Protein backbone atom coordinates (compact mmCIF):
# COMPACT_ATOMS: atom_id res chain seq x y z
CA MET A 1 -0.04 0.27 -0.03
CA ILE A 2 1.00 3.15 -1.50
CA THR A 3 0.41 6.37 1.94
CA THR A 4 2.80 8.83 1.24
CA ARG A 5 3.78 11.53 -1.57
CA GLU A 6 7.03 10.19 -2.16
CA GLU A 7 5.98 6.15 -2.45
CA PHE A 8 3.63 7.65 -4.79
CA LYS A 9 6.85 9.27 -7.07
CA GLU A 10 8.66 6.08 -6.90
CA TYR A 11 5.87 4.40 -7.94
CA CYS A 12 5.40 6.06 -11.38
CA LEU A 13 8.73 5.62 -11.54
CA ARG A 14 9.27 2.43 -11.15
CA ALA A 15 5.78 2.05 -13.89
CA LEU A 16 8.44 3.77 -16.84
CA GLY A 17 11.03 1.50 -16.25
CA LYS A 18 13.05 2.32 -13.59
CA PRO A 19 15.91 1.78 -11.99
CA VAL A 20 16.37 -0.97 -15.13
CA ILE A 21 15.92 2.53 -17.86
CA GLN A 22 17.84 6.12 -16.34
CA ILE A 23 14.03 8.30 -16.41
CA ASN A 24 15.64 11.55 -18.45
CA VAL A 25 13.66 13.57 -15.35
CA ALA A 26 14.43 15.86 -12.49
CA ASP A 27 12.73 15.99 -9.44
CA SER A 28 11.46 19.14 -9.75
CA GLN A 29 9.79 17.79 -12.62
CA VAL A 30 8.33 14.99 -10.88
CA GLU A 31 7.06 16.96 -8.47
CA ASP A 32 5.15 19.77 -10.72
CA ARG A 33 3.20 16.90 -13.29
CA ILE A 34 2.21 15.40 -9.70
CA ASP A 35 0.90 17.89 -9.39
CA ASP A 36 -1.43 18.22 -12.36
CA ALA A 37 -2.93 15.64 -11.61
CA LEU A 38 -4.35 16.14 -8.58
CA THR A 39 -5.45 19.06 -9.51
CA LYS A 40 -7.19 17.26 -12.07
CA TYR A 41 -7.76 14.41 -10.17
CA PHE A 42 -9.50 17.12 -7.25
CA ASP A 43 -12.06 18.94 -10.13
CA PHE A 44 -13.60 15.70 -11.21
CA HIS A 45 -12.77 12.19 -9.87
CA SER A 46 -15.97 11.41 -8.11
CA ASN A 47 -12.66 10.21 -5.61
CA GLY A 48 -11.60 13.62 -5.51
CA THR A 49 -14.10 15.62 -3.09
CA SER A 50 -16.38 14.99 -0.75
CA LEU A 51 -19.47 16.82 -0.09
CA VAL A 52 -19.56 17.91 3.23
CA TYR A 53 -22.37 20.95 5.35
CA LEU A 54 -19.74 23.92 7.16
CA LYS A 55 -21.61 26.07 9.79
CA HIS A 56 -20.68 29.79 10.06
CA LYS A 57 -21.59 31.79 12.51
CA LEU A 58 -21.99 35.29 10.60
CA THR A 59 -19.88 38.61 11.66
CA GLN A 60 -19.55 42.56 11.06
CA ASP A 61 -18.02 41.94 8.56
CA ASP A 62 -19.31 39.59 7.23
CA ILE A 63 -22.37 41.40 6.74
CA ASP A 64 -20.64 44.66 5.82
CA ASN A 65 -18.44 42.84 3.34
CA GLN A 66 -21.41 41.00 1.66
CA TYR A 67 -19.35 38.08 1.47
CA ILE A 68 -16.81 35.21 3.43
CA THR A 69 -13.82 33.84 3.63
CA VAL A 70 -13.67 30.57 2.99
CA ASP A 71 -10.86 27.39 3.25
CA ASP A 72 -9.30 26.96 0.61
CA ASN A 73 -9.79 23.43 0.33
CA ILE A 74 -13.50 24.29 -0.85
CA SER A 75 -13.56 22.89 -4.94
CA MET A 76 -17.46 23.66 -5.97
CA ILE A 77 -20.05 25.65 -3.34
CA THR A 78 -23.79 23.97 -4.48
CA ARG A 79 -25.62 26.13 -1.99
CA VAL A 80 -26.33 28.28 1.30
CA LEU A 81 -28.76 27.72 3.35
CA MET A 82 -30.53 30.52 6.54
CA PRO A 83 -31.66 28.70 8.83
CA ASN A 84 -32.47 31.96 10.87
CA SER A 85 -34.78 33.07 8.69
CA MET A 86 -37.24 30.69 8.95
CA GLY A 87 -39.31 31.62 12.16
CA SER A 88 -42.26 29.95 13.57
CA THR A 89 -45.26 31.72 11.28
CA LEU A 90 -42.63 30.07 8.73
CA ASN A 91 -42.24 26.22 10.43
CA LEU A 92 -45.76 26.05 10.94
CA THR A 93 -46.48 26.19 6.82
CA TYR A 94 -43.82 24.46 6.20
CA VAL A 95 -45.84 21.39 8.04
CA ALA A 96 -48.98 21.90 6.01
CA TYR A 97 -47.58 21.90 3.18
CA ILE A 98 -45.63 18.75 3.33
CA SER A 99 -49.39 17.84 5.66
CA ASP A 100 -50.73 18.08 2.22
CA MET A 101 -47.83 17.39 -0.15
CA MET A 102 -48.17 13.51 1.49
CA GLN A 103 -51.46 13.25 1.75
CA SER A 104 -51.69 13.87 -1.83
CA ILE A 105 -49.25 11.63 -2.26
CA TYR A 106 -50.58 9.03 -1.16
CA SER A 107 -54.46 9.47 -1.97
CA SER A 108 -56.00 6.48 -3.45
CA THR A 109 -56.27 8.58 -6.67
CA ALA A 110 -52.69 9.44 -6.23
CA GLY A 111 -51.33 9.64 -10.40
CA LEU A 112 -49.69 12.06 -12.00
CA GLN A 113 -52.11 14.69 -10.59
CA SER A 114 -50.16 14.46 -7.48
CA TYR A 115 -47.12 14.16 -8.40
CA VAL A 116 -47.63 17.66 -10.44
CA ALA A 117 -49.53 19.70 -7.27
CA SER A 118 -46.22 17.58 -5.55
CA GLN A 119 -43.31 19.60 -7.27
CA SER A 120 -45.51 22.76 -6.89
CA TYR A 121 -45.68 22.44 -2.63
CA LEU A 122 -42.10 21.88 -3.16
CA ASN A 123 -41.75 25.26 -5.12
CA THR A 124 -44.13 27.76 -3.29
CA MET A 125 -42.60 26.48 0.51
CA ASN A 126 -38.73 26.95 -1.48
CA ASP A 127 -40.34 30.38 -1.34
CA ILE A 128 -42.37 31.44 1.28
CA LEU A 129 -39.40 29.77 3.13
CA ASN A 130 -36.43 31.94 1.42
CA THR A 131 -33.08 29.84 2.60
CA GLN A 132 -31.16 29.92 -0.21
CA PRO A 133 -30.33 33.28 -1.23
CA SER A 134 -28.41 34.26 -4.34
CA ILE A 135 -23.96 33.58 -3.92
CA GLU A 136 -20.88 32.81 -5.98
CA PHE A 137 -18.56 31.48 -5.45
CA VAL A 138 -15.23 33.07 -6.56
CA ARG A 139 -12.61 30.15 -6.23
CA TYR A 140 -9.66 31.01 -6.12
CA GLY A 141 -10.32 34.46 -4.21
CA ASN A 142 -11.46 31.85 -1.99
CA LYS A 143 -14.87 33.84 -1.42
CA LEU A 144 -18.26 33.33 -0.94
CA ILE A 145 -20.34 36.11 -1.36
CA PHE A 146 -24.02 36.92 -1.45
CA GLN A 147 -25.87 38.56 -4.58
CA GLY A 148 -28.01 41.98 -3.56
CA LYS A 149 -28.37 42.42 0.29
CA GLN A 150 -29.75 40.11 3.20
CA LYS A 151 -32.46 42.77 5.00
CA LYS A 152 -32.84 40.10 7.49
CA SER A 153 -29.16 38.57 7.90
CA LYS A 154 -27.51 39.68 11.29
CA VAL A 155 -24.48 39.44 13.50
CA GLY A 156 -23.60 35.78 15.52
CA ASP A 157 -26.87 34.45 12.50
CA PHE A 158 -25.24 30.63 10.86
CA VAL A 159 -25.14 30.69 7.11
CA VAL A 160 -24.82 27.05 6.70
CA ILE A 161 -23.01 25.99 3.19
CA GLU A 162 -22.90 22.50 1.48
CA CYS A 163 -19.68 22.27 -0.57
CA TYR A 164 -17.21 19.66 -1.93
CA ILE A 165 -13.79 19.89 0.05
CA ARG A 166 -10.69 17.92 -1.70
CA ASN A 167 -10.11 14.64 -0.61
CA ASP A 168 -6.10 15.71 0.73
CA PRO A 169 -4.31 13.41 0.83
CA VAL A 170 -2.12 14.00 4.06
CA GLU A 171 -5.33 13.15 6.13
CA PHE A 172 -6.76 10.68 2.71
CA THR A 173 -3.75 8.74 2.33
CA LYS A 174 -5.75 5.83 0.26
CA THR A 175 -5.46 8.45 -2.41
CA TRP A 176 -1.87 7.71 -3.14
CA ASN A 177 -3.48 4.06 -4.30
CA ASP A 178 -6.20 4.94 -6.75
CA SER A 179 -5.41 2.84 -9.73
CA TRP A 180 -7.01 5.90 -12.94
CA LEU A 181 -4.70 8.65 -10.33
CA LYS A 182 -1.84 6.36 -10.63
CA ARG A 183 -1.34 5.37 -14.05
CA TYR A 184 -2.13 9.22 -14.57
CA SER A 185 0.29 10.47 -13.65
CA THR A 186 2.99 7.43 -14.43
CA ALA A 187 2.20 9.23 -18.21
CA LEU A 188 1.93 13.12 -17.21
CA ILE A 189 5.32 12.00 -16.31
CA LYS A 190 6.98 10.07 -18.99
CA LYS A 191 5.29 12.68 -21.57
CA GLN A 192 7.75 14.89 -19.78
CA TRP A 193 10.39 12.79 -20.38
CA ALA A 194 9.38 12.39 -24.00
CA ASN A 195 9.36 16.71 -24.60
CA ASN A 196 13.36 16.20 -22.53
CA LEU A 197 14.62 13.74 -24.98
CA LEU A 198 12.99 15.83 -28.07
CA LYS A 199 15.86 18.38 -27.34
CA TYR A 200 18.24 15.15 -28.69
CA ASN A 201 16.76 13.58 -30.56
CA GLY A 202 18.48 11.61 -33.10
CA ALA A 203 21.08 12.04 -31.22
CA THR A 204 23.12 9.11 -30.91
CA LEU A 205 24.46 7.65 -28.28
CA PRO A 206 28.09 5.79 -26.90
CA SER A 207 26.14 2.29 -26.78
CA GLY A 208 24.83 3.05 -30.65
CA ILE A 209 21.21 3.87 -29.46
CA THR A 210 19.76 6.72 -31.44
CA ILE A 211 17.43 8.75 -28.96
CA ASN A 212 13.74 8.74 -29.91
CA GLY A 213 11.17 10.88 -27.89
CA ASP A 214 8.56 11.11 -30.85
CA THR A 215 7.58 7.28 -30.13
CA ILE A 216 7.73 7.55 -26.66
CA LEU A 217 5.60 11.39 -26.31
CA SER A 218 3.47 9.86 -29.04
CA GLU A 219 2.78 6.92 -26.35
CA ALA A 220 2.39 9.57 -23.63
CA ASN A 221 0.44 11.51 -25.79
CA ARG A 222 -2.27 8.10 -26.45
CA ASP A 223 -2.32 7.00 -22.38
CA ILE A 224 -3.40 9.91 -21.97
CA GLU A 225 -6.13 10.37 -24.14
CA GLN A 226 -7.46 7.85 -22.78
CA LEU A 227 -7.48 8.10 -19.39
CA GLU A 228 -9.26 11.30 -20.02
CA VAL A 229 -11.98 9.66 -21.51
CA GLU A 230 -11.98 6.93 -18.90
CA LEU A 231 -12.06 9.94 -16.05
CA ARG A 232 -15.04 11.35 -17.87
CA ASP A 233 -17.49 8.05 -18.97
CA VAL A 234 -15.95 6.18 -16.19
CA TRP A 235 -15.18 8.75 -12.56
CA GLU A 236 -17.23 12.31 -13.01
CA VAL A 237 -20.58 12.65 -11.62
CA PRO A 238 -22.57 14.36 -14.27
CA VAL A 239 -22.97 17.80 -13.77
CA LEU A 240 -26.55 17.82 -13.25
CA GLY A 241 -26.65 13.95 -11.56
CA TRP A 242 -27.33 10.93 -13.87
CA MET A 243 -30.58 10.93 -15.21
CA ALA A 244 -32.16 8.24 -16.77
């Protein structure tokens, strides 16, 4: 089992032929390619992130600025709930709608009409409760921006942020054993190796071997293309969820 980044790096180099074959890639280049692979993994692989709910207590600065500074490990924010905006009256309305909706669903005459009615109830509840403000997530600025003034918000209120966070390999060490990540990192390092060799393409070594980086580059590009197709078709979670 690979449990550290160093072990992962050595695994990729062995997959390319080390120590039998000299891999002409600098250590810093290997580190960069692993970072590139991890970025792709965190952005698109279903095992690269986890859905969590984070609680944040509003400060005066949050309200004045109309944004919240969030952690760097957040890759996507799907919605924000503001439970404190739901007063007792709205809660009673919510219960009433739920009760009516369930009666409609389990009625002896339930059919497509009950489904349409249920969706209408849900939309009405969402409009009344208004628990999801309009937001913008600036990923590379670590900002969760509220669009428009949040008049009902006050210092001490809590917001619940539904978001996806990157699974840090230092904490989740099994990440280093992910089959796709290992193969993709190896392919990126192989491409780097090929690009390094291209600078000496056609040169003949004392042993009589002629350097040919084109062949290695072609193989690397083919591997990368296949792995990125696999990422989209097999491992990536559809943007709008599974649809039948």
